[in-house]
Amino acid sequence: MEQDEYFSVQYGLTINVELLGKNEQLPDDLAFNQEIPPLFRVARECSSLDDNVDQSLSKLTKEESKPLLNYLTAQNNKINLLLSYVLSQQNDPTKRYITRTFGASRLSFLSKAAFPVGSIVRVKLFLDKPSAAVYCYAAVTGCQVRGKYYEVALSYKRLLEDDRDLLIRAALYVQQKLLRQRAQQRTDTQ
């Protein structure tokens, strides 16, 4: 089955990338599902709950519900802050990179070392908005010299659909943020 293509955005997400060892191979769907660390599952579930709550809260626009809305938003922000901190403990500095681009079907990053095209890597992506982390496998589809670095392109091979949805929402959030910044810059220059 051909993987769907989704748009990518230029943005620096923190990721961990680990080249699989010679005796390791891409797990099948069942093994992959069982391998996902529990903290990544909790983060995905919290993000999903956030979306449902946000939809419900958006209906509370009356003036008398504002204090309740503010309180619930503050509590949610506290939980997200704590979740971000706990997830940051999963971020291994020896495998850390920053994305150049990311989307729901692929990503790219700069590395001091080359990655062999066709090799399989284990990837952890740490998202800001929504506060979550994604655990997946990807194939190296490109590795080109960019000055003193290599630009490594990855295409996801094992990724849960819920995590793909998280990546879509994160890419849309970044795109909206960039569009607001451009609009603000145009307003400032006029």
N, C-alpha and C. Protein backbone atom coordinates (compact mmCIF):
# COMPACT_ATOMS: atom_id res chain seq x y z
N MET A 1 0.85 -1.18 0.00
CA MET A 1 0.00 0.00 0.00
C MET A 1 0.89 1.24 0.00
N GLU A 2 0.62 2.16 -0.88
CA GLU A 2 1.37 3.40 -0.98
C GLU A 2 0.99 4.34 0.16
N GLN A 3 1.99 4.91 0.81
CA GLN A 3 1.73 5.80 1.94
C GLN A 3 1.18 7.13 1.45
N ASP A 4 0.17 7.63 2.16
CA ASP A 4 -0.40 8.94 1.82
C ASP A 4 0.65 10.01 2.01
N GLU A 5 0.57 11.04 1.17
CA GLU A 5 1.47 12.18 1.29
C GLU A 5 0.74 13.31 2.00
N TYR A 6 1.42 13.95 2.92
CA TYR A 6 0.88 15.09 3.65
C TYR A 6 1.88 16.23 3.52
N PHE A 7 1.39 17.45 3.62
CA PHE A 7 2.30 18.57 3.50
C PHE A 7 3.25 18.61 4.70
N SER A 8 4.41 19.16 4.47
CA SER A 8 5.41 19.34 5.52
C SER A 8 5.61 20.82 5.77
N VAL A 9 6.03 21.14 6.99
CA VAL A 9 6.34 22.52 7.33
C VAL A 9 7.78 22.60 7.79
N GLN A 10 8.38 23.74 7.56
CA GLN A 10 9.74 23.97 8.06
C GLN A 10 9.63 24.41 9.51
N TYR A 11 10.15 23.57 10.39
CA TYR A 11 10.05 23.87 11.81
C TYR A 11 11.00 22.96 12.57
N GLY A 12 11.55 23.48 13.66
CA GLY A 12 12.52 22.74 14.45
C GLY A 12 11.90 22.01 15.63
N LEU A 13 11.50 20.77 15.42
CA LEU A 13 11.04 19.90 16.51
C LEU A 13 12.24 19.12 17.04
N THR A 14 12.25 18.86 18.33
CA THR A 14 13.26 17.99 18.90
C THR A 14 12.88 16.55 18.61
N ILE A 15 13.84 15.79 18.11
CA ILE A 15 13.61 14.38 17.81
C ILE A 15 14.79 13.56 18.31
N ASN A 16 14.58 12.28 18.50
CA ASN A 16 15.64 11.30 18.73
C ASN A 16 15.59 10.35 17.56
N VAL A 17 16.76 10.06 16.99
CA VAL A 17 16.85 9.12 15.87
C VAL A 17 17.92 8.10 16.21
N GLU A 18 17.55 6.83 16.09
CA GLU A 18 18.46 5.73 16.40
C GLU A 18 18.47 4.75 15.23
N LEU A 19 19.62 4.59 14.62
CA LEU A 19 19.79 3.63 13.53
C LEU A 19 19.66 2.23 14.11
N LEU A 20 18.85 1.37 13.48
CA LEU A 20 18.69 0.01 13.98
C LEU A 20 20.00 -0.76 13.81
N GLY A 21 20.28 -1.62 14.77
CA GLY A 21 21.47 -2.45 14.71
C GLY A 21 21.36 -3.51 13.62
N LYS A 22 22.49 -4.17 13.34
CA LYS A 22 22.52 -5.18 12.27
C LYS A 22 21.57 -6.33 12.53
N ASN A 23 21.32 -6.65 13.79
CA ASN A 23 20.45 -7.78 14.13
C ASN A 23 19.01 -7.34 14.36
N GLU A 24 18.72 -6.06 14.19
CA GLU A 24 17.36 -5.55 14.37
C GLU A 24 16.71 -5.34 13.01
N GLN A 25 15.39 -5.46 13.00
CA GLN A 25 14.65 -5.19 11.77
C GLN A 25 13.35 -4.47 12.10
N LEU A 26 12.72 -3.95 11.08
CA LEU A 26 11.45 -3.24 11.25
C LEU A 26 10.43 -4.22 11.83
N PRO A 27 9.83 -3.88 12.99
CA PRO A 27 8.84 -4.81 13.57
C PRO A 27 7.55 -4.82 12.76
N ASP A 28 6.82 -5.93 12.84
CA ASP A 28 5.51 -5.96 12.21
C ASP A 28 4.55 -5.10 13.04
N ASP A 29 3.34 -4.92 12.56
CA ASP A 29 2.39 -4.01 13.23
C ASP A 29 2.12 -4.41 14.68
N LEU A 30 1.94 -5.71 14.93
CA LEU A 30 1.63 -6.18 16.28
C LEU A 30 2.81 -5.92 17.22
N ALA A 31 4.02 -6.29 16.79
CA ALA A 31 5.20 -6.08 17.63
C ALA A 31 5.43 -4.58 17.86
N PHE A 32 5.21 -3.77 16.83
CA PHE A 32 5.35 -2.33 16.97
C PHE A 32 4.39 -1.79 18.02
N ASN A 33 3.14 -2.21 17.94
CA ASN A 33 2.13 -1.76 18.89
C ASN A 33 2.51 -2.11 20.33
N GLN A 34 3.06 -3.28 20.54
CA GLN A 34 3.45 -3.72 21.88
C GLN A 34 4.71 -3.02 22.36
N GLU A 35 5.51 -2.54 21.45
CA GLU A 35 6.80 -1.92 21.79
C GLU A 35 6.69 -0.46 22.20
N ILE A 36 5.60 0.21 21.83
CA ILE A 36 5.46 1.64 22.11
C ILE A 36 5.51 1.87 23.62
N PRO A 37 6.42 2.73 24.08
CA PRO A 37 6.53 2.99 25.52
C PRO A 37 5.22 3.55 26.09
N PRO A 38 4.86 3.12 27.31
CA PRO A 38 3.60 3.57 27.92
C PRO A 38 3.46 5.09 28.00
N LEU A 39 4.55 5.79 28.27
CA LEU A 39 4.48 7.24 28.39
C LEU A 39 4.01 7.89 27.08
N PHE A 40 4.41 7.32 25.94
CA PHE A 40 4.00 7.85 24.64
C PHE A 40 2.50 7.62 24.43
N ARG A 41 2.00 6.49 24.93
CA ARG A 41 0.56 6.21 24.84
C ARG A 41 -0.24 7.20 25.71
N VAL A 42 0.27 7.45 26.91
CA VAL A 42 -0.40 8.39 27.82
C VAL A 42 -0.43 9.78 27.18
N ALA A 43 0.68 10.20 26.60
CA ALA A 43 0.74 11.52 25.97
C ALA A 43 -0.26 11.64 24.84
N ARG A 44 -0.38 10.59 24.02
CA ARG A 44 -1.33 10.60 22.91
C ARG A 44 -2.76 10.69 23.45
N GLU A 45 -3.05 9.91 24.49
CA GLU A 45 -4.39 9.92 25.08
C GLU A 45 -4.72 11.29 25.67
N CYS A 46 -3.77 11.90 26.37
CA CYS A 46 -3.99 13.24 26.94
C CYS A 46 -4.27 14.25 25.84
N SER A 47 -3.55 14.15 24.75
CA SER A 47 -3.76 15.08 23.65
C SER A 47 -5.16 14.89 23.05
N SER A 48 -5.58 13.66 22.94
CA SER A 48 -6.91 13.36 22.41
C SER A 48 -7.99 13.91 23.34
N LEU A 49 -7.79 13.75 24.64
CA LEU A 49 -8.74 14.30 25.61
C LEU A 49 -8.78 15.82 25.53
N ASP A 50 -7.61 16.44 25.34
CA ASP A 50 -7.55 17.90 25.20
C ASP A 50 -8.42 18.38 24.05
N ASP A 51 -8.36 17.67 22.92
CA ASP A 51 -9.16 18.07 21.76
C ASP A 51 -10.64 18.00 22.06
N ASN A 52 -11.07 16.92 22.73
CA ASN A 52 -12.49 16.77 23.06
C ASN A 52 -12.94 17.85 24.02
N VAL A 53 -12.12 18.17 25.02
CA VAL A 53 -12.46 19.20 26.00
C VAL A 53 -12.49 20.57 25.33
N ASP A 54 -11.51 20.84 24.47
CA ASP A 54 -11.48 22.13 23.78
C ASP A 54 -12.77 22.37 22.98
N GLN A 55 -13.26 21.32 22.34
CA GLN A 55 -14.50 21.45 21.57
C GLN A 55 -15.67 21.75 22.49
N SER A 56 -15.72 21.06 23.62
CA SER A 56 -16.80 21.30 24.58
C SER A 56 -16.72 22.70 25.18
N LEU A 57 -15.51 23.12 25.55
CA LEU A 57 -15.34 24.43 26.18
C LEU A 57 -15.63 25.58 25.22
N SER A 58 -15.41 25.35 23.93
CA SER A 58 -15.65 26.42 22.96
C SER A 58 -17.13 26.80 22.91
N LYS A 59 -17.99 25.92 23.40
CA LYS A 59 -19.42 26.22 23.43
C LYS A 59 -19.79 27.11 24.62
N LEU A 60 -18.88 27.20 25.60
CA LEU A 60 -19.12 28.04 26.77
C LEU A 60 -18.59 29.45 26.51
N THR A 61 -19.39 30.28 25.92
CA THR A 61 -18.92 31.63 25.60
C THR A 61 -19.65 32.71 26.38
N LYS A 62 -20.61 32.31 27.18
CA LYS A 62 -21.36 33.32 27.94
C LYS A 62 -20.48 33.94 29.01
N GLU A 63 -20.78 35.16 29.35
CA GLU A 63 -19.97 35.92 30.31
C GLU A 63 -19.89 35.23 31.67
N GLU A 64 -20.97 34.60 32.14
CA GLU A 64 -20.95 33.97 33.46
C GLU A 64 -20.08 32.71 33.50
N SER A 65 -19.77 32.13 32.36
CA SER A 65 -18.94 30.92 32.34
C SER A 65 -17.45 31.24 32.16
N LYS A 66 -17.11 32.49 31.98
CA LYS A 66 -15.70 32.88 31.78
C LYS A 66 -14.79 32.46 32.93
N PRO A 67 -15.16 32.68 34.22
CA PRO A 67 -14.28 32.24 35.31
C PRO A 67 -14.04 30.72 35.28
N LEU A 68 -15.07 29.96 34.99
CA LEU A 68 -14.92 28.51 34.91
C LEU A 68 -14.00 28.15 33.75
N LEU A 69 -14.19 28.78 32.64
CA LEU A 69 -13.36 28.53 31.46
C LEU A 69 -11.90 28.87 31.75
N ASN A 70 -11.65 30.00 32.41
CA ASN A 70 -10.29 30.40 32.76
C ASN A 70 -9.65 29.40 33.72
N TYR A 71 -10.42 28.94 34.70
CA TYR A 71 -9.91 27.96 35.66
C TYR A 71 -9.55 26.65 34.96
N LEU A 72 -10.45 26.15 34.14
CA LEU A 72 -10.20 24.88 33.44
C LEU A 72 -9.02 25.00 32.48
N THR A 73 -8.89 26.13 31.83
CA THR A 73 -7.76 26.35 30.93
C THR A 73 -6.45 26.35 31.71
N ALA A 74 -6.44 27.01 32.88
CA ALA A 74 -5.23 27.03 33.71
C ALA A 74 -4.86 25.62 34.18
N GLN A 75 -5.85 24.84 34.59
CA GLN A 75 -5.58 23.46 35.03
C GLN A 75 -5.02 22.62 33.88
N ASN A 76 -5.60 22.79 32.70
CA ASN A 76 -5.13 22.06 31.52
C ASN A 76 -3.69 22.45 31.18
N ASN A 77 -3.39 23.74 31.29
CA ASN A 77 -2.02 24.20 31.00
C ASN A 77 -1.03 23.61 32.00
N LYS A 78 -1.43 23.50 33.26
CA LYS A 78 -0.56 22.89 34.27
C LYS A 78 -0.27 21.43 33.94
N ILE A 79 -1.31 20.71 33.56
CA ILE A 79 -1.14 19.29 33.22
C ILE A 79 -0.25 19.15 31.99
N ASN A 80 -0.46 19.99 30.99
CA ASN A 80 0.38 19.93 29.79
C ASN A 80 1.84 20.25 30.10
N LEU A 81 2.06 21.21 30.99
CA LEU A 81 3.42 21.56 31.39
C LEU A 81 4.10 20.38 32.08
N LEU A 82 3.39 19.73 32.97
CA LEU A 82 3.92 18.55 33.65
C LEU A 82 4.19 17.41 32.67
N LEU A 83 3.25 17.20 31.75
CA LEU A 83 3.43 16.16 30.74
C LEU A 83 4.64 16.45 29.87
N SER A 84 4.83 17.70 29.49
CA SER A 84 6.00 18.07 28.68
C SER A 84 7.29 17.78 29.42
N TYR A 85 7.31 18.06 30.71
CA TYR A 85 8.50 17.79 31.51
C TYR A 85 8.78 16.29 31.57
N VAL A 86 7.76 15.50 31.84
CA VAL A 86 7.94 14.05 31.93
C VAL A 86 8.41 13.49 30.58
N LEU A 87 7.82 13.98 29.50
CA LEU A 87 8.23 13.52 28.17
C LEU A 87 9.68 13.90 27.86
N SER A 88 10.11 15.05 28.36
CA SER A 88 11.49 15.49 28.09
C SER A 88 12.50 14.52 28.68
N GLN A 89 12.09 13.73 29.68
CA GLN A 89 12.97 12.73 30.27
C GLN A 89 13.24 11.58 29.30
N GLN A 90 12.40 11.44 28.28
CA GLN A 90 12.58 10.41 27.26
C GLN A 90 13.50 10.87 26.13
N ASN A 91 13.91 12.12 26.19
CA ASN A 91 14.74 12.73 25.14
C ASN A 91 16.21 12.43 25.42
N ASP A 92 16.78 11.51 24.66
CA ASP A 92 18.16 11.08 24.84
C ASP A 92 19.11 12.06 24.12
N PRO A 93 19.94 12.80 24.86
CA PRO A 93 20.82 13.80 24.22
C PRO A 93 21.80 13.20 23.22
N THR A 94 22.14 11.91 23.35
CA THR A 94 23.09 11.30 22.42
C THR A 94 22.45 10.98 21.07
N LYS A 95 21.12 11.02 21.01
CA LYS A 95 20.39 10.72 19.76
C LYS A 95 19.55 11.91 19.31
N ARG A 96 19.82 13.07 19.86
CA ARG A 96 18.99 14.26 19.64
C ARG A 96 19.36 14.99 18.35
N TYR A 97 18.33 15.37 17.63
CA TYR A 97 18.44 16.18 16.42
C TYR A 97 17.28 17.17 16.42
N ILE A 98 17.35 18.14 15.54
CA ILE A 98 16.27 19.11 15.36
C ILE A 98 15.80 19.01 13.91
N THR A 99 14.49 18.90 13.73
CA THR A 99 13.98 18.77 12.36
C THR A 99 14.17 20.07 11.59
N ARG A 100 14.36 19.92 10.31
CA ARG A 100 14.30 21.06 9.38
C ARG A 100 12.86 21.18 8.89
N THR A 101 12.29 20.01 8.56
CA THR A 101 10.89 19.93 8.14
C THR A 101 10.26 18.73 8.82
N PHE A 102 8.94 18.80 8.98
CA PHE A 102 8.21 17.62 9.46
C PHE A 102 6.78 17.68 8.95
N GLY A 103 6.19 16.52 8.88
CA GLY A 103 4.80 16.39 8.47
C GLY A 103 4.30 15.03 8.92
N ALA A 104 3.17 14.63 8.39
CA ALA A 104 2.55 13.37 8.81
C ALA A 104 3.00 12.18 7.97
N SER A 105 3.87 12.41 6.98
CA SER A 105 4.39 11.29 6.19
C SER A 105 5.91 11.24 6.17
N ARG A 106 6.55 12.36 6.50
CA ARG A 106 8.02 12.39 6.43
C ARG A 106 8.57 13.55 7.27
N LEU A 107 9.91 13.53 7.44
CA LEU A 107 10.62 14.61 8.11
C LEU A 107 12.04 14.65 7.60
N SER A 108 12.73 15.74 7.92
CA SER A 108 14.15 15.85 7.59
C SER A 108 14.87 16.55 8.73
N PHE A 109 16.18 16.28 8.84
CA PHE A 109 17.00 16.88 9.89
C PHE A 109 18.44 16.91 9.43
N LEU A 110 19.25 17.72 10.14
CA LEU A 110 20.68 17.80 9.84
C LEU A 110 21.45 16.93 10.83
N SER A 111 22.49 16.27 10.30
CA SER A 111 23.32 15.39 11.12
C SER A 111 24.78 15.59 10.74
N LYS A 112 25.67 15.44 11.72
CA LYS A 112 27.10 15.51 11.43
C LYS A 112 27.58 14.25 10.72
N ALA A 113 26.85 13.15 10.89
CA ALA A 113 27.20 11.87 10.26
C ALA A 113 26.15 11.49 9.23
N ALA A 114 26.59 10.78 8.21
CA ALA A 114 25.66 10.30 7.17
C ALA A 114 24.85 9.12 7.70
N PHE A 115 23.63 9.00 7.20
CA PHE A 115 22.79 7.84 7.46
C PHE A 115 22.62 7.10 6.13
N PRO A 116 22.85 5.79 6.11
CA PRO A 116 22.74 5.05 4.84
C PRO A 116 21.30 5.06 4.30
N VAL A 117 21.14 5.43 3.04
CA VAL A 117 19.83 5.43 2.40
C VAL A 117 19.29 4.00 2.40
N GLY A 118 18.03 3.85 2.76
CA GLY A 118 17.40 2.54 2.83
C GLY A 118 17.42 1.92 4.22
N SER A 119 18.24 2.48 5.11
CA SER A 119 18.30 1.93 6.47
C SER A 119 17.04 2.33 7.25
N ILE A 120 16.77 1.57 8.30
CA ILE A 120 15.61 1.81 9.15
C ILE A 120 16.07 2.43 10.46
N VAL A 121 15.30 3.42 10.93
CA VAL A 121 15.63 4.11 12.18
C VAL A 121 14.40 4.12 13.09
N ARG A 122 14.68 4.16 14.39
CA ARG A 122 13.65 4.33 15.43
C ARG A 122 13.62 5.82 15.75
N VAL A 123 12.43 6.39 15.78
CA VAL A 123 12.30 7.84 15.94
C VAL A 123 11.35 8.17 17.09
N LYS A 124 11.73 9.18 17.86
CA LYS A 124 10.85 9.79 18.86
C LYS A 124 10.74 11.26 18.49
N LEU A 125 9.51 11.74 18.32
CA LEU A 125 9.28 13.15 18.03
C LEU A 125 8.61 13.78 19.26
N PHE A 126 9.10 14.92 19.67
CA PHE A 126 8.57 15.62 20.84
C PHE A 126 7.85 16.88 20.36
N LEU A 127 6.53 16.88 20.49
CA LEU A 127 5.70 17.97 19.98
C LEU A 127 5.42 19.00 21.07
N ASP A 128 5.36 20.27 20.64
CA ASP A 128 5.01 21.36 21.55
C ASP A 128 3.50 21.54 21.62
N LYS A 129 2.89 21.69 20.48
CA LYS A 129 1.44 21.90 20.38
C LYS A 129 0.88 20.93 19.37
N PRO A 130 0.10 19.97 19.75
CA PRO A 130 -0.27 19.63 21.11
C PRO A 130 0.91 19.04 21.87
N SER A 131 0.87 19.14 23.19
CA SER A 131 1.92 18.58 24.04
C SER A 131 1.83 17.06 23.95
N ALA A 132 2.76 16.47 23.23
CA ALA A 132 2.72 15.02 23.05
C ALA A 132 4.07 14.55 22.52
N ALA A 133 4.17 13.25 22.38
CA ALA A 133 5.36 12.64 21.79
C ALA A 133 4.91 11.48 20.91
N VAL A 134 5.65 11.26 19.86
CA VAL A 134 5.31 10.20 18.90
C VAL A 134 6.50 9.24 18.80
N TYR A 135 6.18 7.96 18.85
CA TYR A 135 7.18 6.89 18.72
C TYR A 135 6.88 6.18 17.41
N CYS A 136 7.89 6.04 16.55
CA CYS A 136 7.65 5.43 15.25
C CYS A 136 8.94 4.89 14.66
N TYR A 137 8.81 4.25 13.51
CA TYR A 137 9.96 3.81 12.71
C TYR A 137 9.88 4.50 11.36
N ALA A 138 11.06 4.73 10.77
CA ALA A 138 11.10 5.38 9.47
C ALA A 138 12.26 4.80 8.65
N ALA A 139 12.18 5.03 7.36
CA ALA A 139 13.26 4.62 6.45
C ALA A 139 13.99 5.87 5.99
N VAL A 140 15.30 5.76 5.86
CA VAL A 140 16.10 6.87 5.34
C VAL A 140 15.90 6.89 3.83
N THR A 141 15.32 7.98 3.32
CA THR A 141 15.04 8.09 1.89
C THR A 141 16.02 9.01 1.17
N GLY A 142 16.83 9.74 1.93
CA GLY A 142 17.81 10.63 1.32
C GLY A 142 18.83 11.07 2.35
N CYS A 143 20.04 11.34 1.85
CA CYS A 143 21.11 11.84 2.73
C CYS A 143 22.05 12.65 1.85
N GLN A 144 21.90 13.97 1.90
CA GLN A 144 22.67 14.85 1.03
C GLN A 144 23.55 15.79 1.86
N VAL A 145 24.73 16.08 1.32
CA VAL A 145 25.66 16.99 1.99
C VAL A 145 25.11 18.40 1.91
N ARG A 146 25.09 19.10 3.07
CA ARG A 146 24.67 20.50 3.18
C ARG A 146 25.74 21.21 3.99
N GLY A 147 26.76 21.72 3.31
CA GLY A 147 27.87 22.36 4.02
C GLY A 147 28.65 21.31 4.79
N LYS A 148 28.76 21.51 6.11
CA LYS A 148 29.50 20.54 6.93
C LYS A 148 28.57 19.50 7.56
N TYR A 149 27.29 19.50 7.17
CA TYR A 149 26.31 18.55 7.70
C TYR A 149 25.72 17.71 6.57
N TYR A 150 24.94 16.72 6.98
CA TYR A 150 24.14 15.92 6.05
C TYR A 150 22.68 16.20 6.34
N GLU A 151 21.91 16.45 5.29
CA GLU A 151 20.47 16.56 5.47
C GLU A 151 19.88 15.17 5.23
N VAL A 152 19.28 14.63 6.28
CA VAL A 152 18.74 13.28 6.24
C VAL A 152 17.23 13.36 6.10
N ALA A 153 16.68 12.66 5.11
CA ALA A 153 15.23 12.62 4.89
C ALA A 153 14.70 11.26 5.31
N LEU A 154 13.61 11.28 6.06
CA LEU A 154 12.99 10.05 6.55
C LEU A 154 11.54 9.97 6.09
N SER A 155 11.09 8.76 5.83
CA SER A 155 9.68 8.49 5.52
C SER A 155 9.18 7.45 6.52
N TYR A 156 8.06 7.74 7.18
CA TYR A 156 7.56 6.85 8.23
C TYR A 156 7.17 5.49 7.67
N LYS A 157 7.53 4.44 8.41
CA LYS A 157 7.18 3.07 8.03
C LYS A 157 6.23 2.43 9.04
N ARG A 158 6.37 2.76 10.30
CA ARG A 158 5.46 2.29 11.35
C ARG A 158 5.06 3.52 12.16
N LEU A 159 3.78 3.87 12.06
CA LEU A 159 3.25 5.05 12.74
C LEU A 159 1.77 4.81 12.98
N LEU A 160 1.33 4.92 14.23
CA LEU A 160 -0.09 4.74 14.54
C LEU A 160 -0.90 5.87 13.90
N GLU A 161 -2.12 5.56 13.48
CA GLU A 161 -2.98 6.57 12.85
C GLU A 161 -3.27 7.73 13.80
N ASP A 162 -3.44 7.44 15.09
CA ASP A 162 -3.66 8.52 16.06
C ASP A 162 -2.45 9.44 16.12
N ASP A 163 -1.26 8.87 16.01
CA ASP A 163 -0.04 9.68 16.01
C ASP A 163 0.09 10.48 14.71
N ARG A 164 -0.35 9.90 13.60
CA ARG A 164 -0.36 10.65 12.33
C ARG A 164 -1.28 11.86 12.48
N ASP A 165 -2.43 11.67 13.13
CA ASP A 165 -3.35 12.78 13.37
C ASP A 165 -2.69 13.86 14.23
N LEU A 166 -1.93 13.43 15.25
CA LEU A 166 -1.19 14.39 16.09
C LEU A 166 -0.21 15.21 15.24
N LEU A 167 0.50 14.53 14.35
CA LEU A 167 1.47 15.23 13.49
C LEU A 167 0.77 16.20 12.54
N ILE A 168 -0.39 15.81 12.04
CA ILE A 168 -1.16 16.71 11.18
C ILE A 168 -1.56 17.96 11.96
N ARG A 169 -2.08 17.76 13.18
CA ARG A 169 -2.49 18.92 14.01
C ARG A 169 -1.29 19.79 14.35
N ALA A 170 -0.15 19.17 14.66
CA ALA A 170 1.05 19.95 14.99
C ALA A 170 1.52 20.75 13.78
N ALA A 171 1.50 20.14 12.59
CA ALA A 171 1.91 20.86 11.38
C ALA A 171 0.95 22.00 11.07
N LEU A 172 -0.35 21.77 11.26
CA LEU A 172 -1.33 22.84 11.04
C LEU A 172 -1.15 23.98 12.03
N TYR A 173 -0.85 23.64 13.28
CA TYR A 173 -0.60 24.67 14.30
C TYR A 173 0.59 25.54 13.89
N VAL A 174 1.68 24.90 13.45
CA VAL A 174 2.87 25.64 13.02
C VAL A 174 2.54 26.51 11.82
N GLN A 175 1.79 25.94 10.86
CA GLN A 175 1.42 26.70 9.65
C GLN A 175 0.59 27.93 10.03
N GLN A 176 -0.38 27.76 10.92
CA GLN A 176 -1.21 28.90 11.35
C GLN A 176 -0.36 29.95 12.06
N LYS A 177 0.57 29.50 12.89
CA LYS A 177 1.45 30.42 13.60
C LYS A 177 2.29 31.24 12.62
N LEU A 178 2.84 30.57 11.60
CA LEU A 178 3.64 31.26 10.59
C LEU A 178 2.80 32.25 9.79
N LEU A 179 1.57 31.87 9.46
CA LEU A 179 0.69 32.78 8.72
C LEU A 179 0.33 34.00 9.55
N ARG A 180 0.10 33.81 10.86
CA ARG A 180 -0.20 34.96 11.74
C ARG A 180 1.01 35.90 11.82
N GLN A 181 2.22 35.30 11.90
CA GLN A 181 3.44 36.12 11.96
C GLN A 181 3.60 36.94 10.68
N ARG A 182 3.34 36.31 9.53
CA ARG A 182 3.45 37.04 8.25
C ARG A 182 2.44 38.17 8.18
N ALA A 183 1.22 37.89 8.61
CA ALA A 183 0.19 38.92 8.59
C ALA A 183 0.58 40.08 9.50
N GLN A 184 1.13 39.77 10.66
CA GLN A 184 1.57 40.80 11.60
C GLN A 184 2.70 41.62 11.00
N GLN A 185 3.65 40.96 10.33
CA GLN A 185 4.75 41.67 9.69
C GLN A 185 4.26 42.62 8.61
N ARG A 186 3.27 42.18 7.83
CA ARG A 186 2.70 43.04 6.79
C ARG A 186 2.03 44.25 7.43
N THR A 187 1.31 44.02 8.53
CA THR A 187 0.64 45.12 9.22
C THR A 187 1.65 46.09 9.79
N ASP A 188 2.74 45.58 10.34
CA ASP A 188 3.78 46.43 10.94
C ASP A 188 4.50 47.28 9.90
N THR A 189 4.66 46.78 8.68
CA THR A 189 5.39 47.52 7.65
C THR A 189 4.53 48.53 6.91
N GLN A 190 3.23 48.48 7.12
CA GLN A 190 2.34 49.42 6.41
C GLN A 190 2.19 50.71 7.15
